[in-house]
C-alpha atoms as a PDB file:
ATOM      1  CA  GLN A   1      -5.726  15.944  -4.283  1.00  0.00           C
ATOM      2  CA  VAL A   2      -6.225  12.289  -5.480  1.00  0.00           C
ATOM      3  CA  GLN A   3      -9.462  10.252  -4.960  1.00  0.00           C
ATOM      4  CA  LEU A   4      -9.142   6.422  -5.589  1.00  0.00           C
ATOM      5  CA  VAL A   5     -12.303   4.129  -6.003  1.00  0.00           C
ATOM      6  CA  GLU A   6     -11.840   0.289  -5.807  1.00  0.00           C
ATOM      7  CA  SER A   7     -13.991  -2.170  -7.247  1.00  0.00           C
ATOM      8  CA  GLY A   8     -14.119  -5.899  -8.205  1.00  0.00           C
ATOM      9  CA  GLY A   9     -14.086  -7.649  -4.688  1.00  0.00           C
ATOM     10  CA  GLY A  10     -16.282 -10.445  -3.739  1.00  0.00           C
ATOM     11  CA  LEU A  11     -16.931 -13.846  -2.156  1.00  0.00           C
ATOM     12  CA  VAL A  12     -15.021 -16.776  -4.278  1.00  0.00           C
ATOM     13  CA  GLN A  13     -13.835 -20.113  -3.600  1.00  0.00           C
ATOM     14  CA  ALA A  14     -10.446 -21.215  -3.119  1.00  0.00           C
ATOM     15  CA  GLY A  15      -8.514 -21.580  -6.384  1.00  0.00           C
ATOM     16  CA  ASP A  16     -10.818 -18.920  -8.209  1.00  0.00           C
ATOM     17  CA  SER A  17      -9.701 -15.710  -9.755  1.00  0.00           C
ATOM     18  CA  LEU A  18     -10.573 -12.082  -9.181  1.00  0.00           C
ATOM     19  CA  ARG A  19      -9.590  -8.786 -10.941  1.00  0.00           C
ATOM     20  CA  LEU A  20      -9.710  -5.593  -8.634  1.00  0.00           C
ATOM     21  CA  ALA A  21      -9.569  -2.500 -10.225  1.00  0.00           C
ATOM     22  CA  CYS A  22      -8.647   1.076  -8.851  1.00  0.00           C
ATOM     23  CA  THR A  23      -9.646   4.268 -10.703  1.00  0.00           C
ATOM     24  CA  ALA A  24      -8.232   7.469  -9.828  1.00  0.00           C
ATOM     25  CA  SER A  25      -9.296  11.278 -10.416  1.00  0.00           C
ATOM     26  CA  GLY A  26      -7.036  14.166 -11.415  1.00  0.00           C
ATOM     27  CA  ARG A  27      -4.966  14.727 -14.465  1.00  0.00           C
ATOM     28  CA  THR A  28      -1.713  13.587 -13.593  1.00  0.00           C
ATOM     29  CA  PHE A  29      -2.293   9.813 -12.925  1.00  0.00           C
ATOM     30  CA  SER A  30       0.653   8.844 -14.884  1.00  0.00           C
ATOM     31  CA  THR A  31       2.900  10.548 -12.419  1.00  0.00           C
ATOM     32  CA  TYR A  32       1.819   8.546  -9.530  1.00  0.00           C
ATOM     33  CA  PRO A  33       3.441   5.183  -8.477  1.00  0.00           C
ATOM     34  CA  MET A  34       0.617   2.854  -7.427  1.00  0.00           C
ATOM     35  CA  ALA A  35       0.368   0.025  -4.836  1.00  0.00           C
ATOM     36  CA  TRP A  36      -2.133  -2.456  -3.442  1.00  0.00           C
ATOM     37  CA  PHE A  37      -2.427  -3.084   0.232  1.00  0.00           C
ATOM     38  CA  ARG A  38      -4.719  -5.459   2.081  1.00  0.00           C
ATOM     39  CA  GLN A  39      -5.956  -5.722   5.697  1.00  0.00           C
ATOM     40  CA  ALA A  40      -7.378  -8.589   7.437  1.00  0.00           C
ATOM     41  CA  PRO A  41      -9.632  -8.579  10.513  1.00  0.00           C
ATOM     42  CA  GLY A  42      -7.043  -7.961  13.619  1.00  0.00           C
ATOM     43  CA  LYS A  43      -4.139  -7.470  11.528  1.00  0.00           C
ATOM     44  CA  GLU A  44      -2.087  -4.512  10.467  1.00  0.00           C
ATOM     45  CA  ARG A  45      -2.439  -3.326   6.539  1.00  0.00           C
ATOM     46  CA  GLU A  46       0.046  -5.310   4.511  1.00  0.00           C
ATOM     47  CA  PHE A  47       1.699  -4.297   1.393  1.00  0.00           C
ATOM     48  CA  VAL A  48       0.847  -6.611  -1.515  1.00  0.00           C
ATOM     49  CA  ALA A  49       1.932  -5.103  -4.780  1.00  0.00           C
ATOM     50  CA  ALA A  50       3.474  -1.804  -6.276  1.00  0.00           C
ATOM     51  CA  ILE A  51       3.797  -0.752  -9.833  1.00  0.00           C
ATOM     52  CA  SER A  52       6.085   2.002 -11.345  1.00  0.00           C
ATOM     53  CA  LEU A  53       4.896   5.101 -13.327  1.00  0.00           C
ATOM     54  CA  ASN A  54       4.934   3.382 -16.660  1.00  0.00           C
ATOM     55  CA  GLY A  55       4.310  -0.065 -15.477  1.00  0.00           C
ATOM     56  CA  ILE A  56       7.291  -1.748 -16.371  1.00  0.00           C
ATOM     57  CA  ILE A  57       8.690  -2.375 -12.824  1.00  0.00           C
ATOM     58  CA  THR A  58       6.523  -4.270 -10.372  1.00  0.00           C
ATOM     59  CA  TYR A  59       7.274  -5.568  -6.694  1.00  0.00           C
ATOM     60  CA  TYR A  60       5.157  -8.307  -4.788  1.00  0.00           C
ATOM     61  CA  VAL A  61       5.088  -9.521  -1.419  1.00  0.00           C
ATOM     62  CA  ASP A  62       6.298 -13.240  -1.415  1.00  0.00           C
ATOM     63  CA  SER A  63       2.936 -14.645  -0.334  1.00  0.00           C
ATOM     64  CA  VAL A  64       1.447 -13.564  -3.669  1.00  0.00           C
ATOM     65  CA  LYS A  65       4.384 -13.865  -6.088  1.00  0.00           C
ATOM     66  CA  GLY A  66       3.445 -16.014  -9.285  1.00  0.00           C
ATOM     67  CA  ARG A  67      -0.567 -15.662  -8.334  1.00  0.00           C
ATOM     68  CA  PHE A  68      -1.192 -11.969  -8.543  1.00  0.00           C
ATOM     69  CA  THR A  69      -0.302  -9.523 -11.182  1.00  0.00           C
ATOM     70  CA  ILE A  70      -0.505  -5.767 -10.745  1.00  0.00           C
ATOM     71  CA  SER A  71      -0.666  -3.597 -13.873  1.00  0.00           C
ATOM     72  CA  ARG A  72      -2.121  -0.225 -14.978  1.00  0.00           C
ATOM     73  CA  ASP A  73      -3.704   1.636 -17.967  1.00  0.00           C
ATOM     74  CA  ASN A  74      -2.565   5.525 -17.649  1.00  0.00           C
ATOM     75  CA  ALA A  75      -4.887   6.337 -20.289  1.00  0.00           C
ATOM     76  CA  GLU A  76      -7.945   5.124 -18.298  1.00  0.00           C
ATOM     77  CA  LYS A  77      -6.236   6.120 -15.014  1.00  0.00           C
ATOM     78  CA  THR A  78      -6.815   2.618 -13.544  1.00  0.00           C
ATOM     79  CA  VAL A  79      -4.494   0.236 -11.805  1.00  0.00           C
ATOM     80  CA  TYR A  80      -5.538  -3.429 -11.683  1.00  0.00           C
ATOM     81  CA  LEU A  81      -4.883  -6.521  -9.465  1.00  0.00           C
ATOM     82  CA  GLN A  82      -5.414  -9.915 -11.100  1.00  0.00           C
ATOM     83  CA  MET A  83      -5.460 -12.303  -8.474  1.00  0.00           C
ATOM     84  CA  ASN A  84      -5.446 -15.946  -9.287  1.00  0.00           C
ATOM     85  CA  SER A  85      -5.342 -19.281  -7.351  1.00  0.00           C
ATOM     86  CA  LEU A  86      -6.863 -17.367  -4.414  1.00  0.00           C
ATOM     87  CA  LYS A  87      -6.413 -18.783  -1.073  1.00  0.00           C
ATOM     88  CA  PRO A  88      -8.560 -18.471   2.066  1.00  0.00           C
ATOM     89  CA  GLU A  89      -5.554 -16.339   3.572  1.00  0.00           C
ATOM     90  CA  ASP A  90      -6.131 -13.944   0.956  1.00  0.00           C
ATOM     91  CA  THR A  91      -9.311 -12.840   2.736  1.00  0.00           C
ATOM     92  CA  ALA A  92      -8.974  -9.135   3.196  1.00  0.00           C
ATOM     93  CA  VAL A  93     -10.121  -5.604   2.579  1.00  0.00           C
ATOM     94  CA  TYR A  94      -7.888  -4.568  -0.490  1.00  0.00           C
ATOM     95  CA  TYR A  95      -6.844  -1.024  -0.736  1.00  0.00           C
ATOM     96  CA  CYS A  96      -5.264   1.009  -3.587  1.00  0.00           C
ATOM     97  CA  ALA A  97      -2.862   3.827  -2.750  1.00  0.00           C
ATOM     98  CA  VAL A  98      -0.499   6.461  -4.055  1.00  0.00           C
ATOM     99  CA  GLY A  99       2.931   6.739  -2.596  1.00  0.00           C
ATOM    100  CA  PRO A 100       6.600   6.380  -3.111  1.00  0.00           C
ATOM    101  CA  PHE A 101       7.651   3.792  -5.571  1.00  0.00           C
ATOM    102  CA  GLY A 102       8.676   0.707  -3.861  1.00  0.00           C
ATOM    103  CA  GLY A 103       7.522   1.857  -0.219  1.00  0.00           C
ATOM    104  CA  ARG A 104       6.086  -1.234   1.665  1.00  0.00           C
ATOM    105  CA  ARG A 105       4.953   0.524   4.608  1.00  0.00           C
ATOM    106  CA  ALA A 106       1.308   1.951   4.993  1.00  0.00           C
ATOM    107  CA  SER A 107       2.682   5.043   6.620  1.00  0.00           C
ATOM    108  CA  GLU A 108       4.498   6.076   3.368  1.00  0.00           C
ATOM    109  CA  TYR A 109       1.524   6.292   1.358  1.00  0.00           C
ATOM    110  CA  THR A 110      -0.637   9.541   0.965  1.00  0.00           C
ATOM    111  CA  TYR A 111      -3.704   8.515  -0.761  1.00  0.00           C
ATOM    112  CA  TRP A 112      -5.807   5.683  -0.038  1.00  0.00           C
ATOM    113  CA  GLY A 113      -9.301   4.211  -1.697  1.00  0.00           C
ATOM    114  CA  GLN A 114     -12.244   3.209   0.439  1.00  0.00           C
ATOM    115  CA  GLY A 115     -11.235  -0.501   0.082  1.00  0.00           C
ATOM    116  CA  THR A 116     -12.927  -3.595  -1.404  1.00  0.00           C
ATOM    117  CA  GLN A 117     -13.716  -6.812   0.454  1.00  0.00           C
ATOM    118  CA  VAL A 118     -12.140  -9.963  -0.995  1.00  0.00           C
ATOM    119  CA  THR A 119     -13.363 -13.260   0.858  1.00  0.00           C
ATOM    120  CA  VAL A 120     -12.039 -16.748  -0.094  1.00  0.00           C
ATOM    121  CA  SER A 121     -13.805 -19.623   1.261  1.00  0.00           C
ATOM    122  CA  SER A 122     -12.287 -23.112   1.456  1.00  0.00           C
END
């Protein structure tokens, strides 16, 4: 069983930055590929970024490439999402998840956090 807790969301203006964090329970965090998803009102949950066990390999959805950076600290059992140059269309609830590395469908992921709201005003 894995428990995930996200933090760091908030209300910001377009162009601002936020850093989300997701802390996991359990002793085997370093064996979990991790990912961030987001879900805007009325839309399906969307893949945002994924990171490999050792943090070397990362994937991003095209809409956030060059603006968002996923990273992880296995000693702290935490995965981060640094979000720069935020846009109103980035507004969503952001979730971290544990699942197969490279998976881009929410149905592939087993464990989810409760989500953290990110709102970007224009």
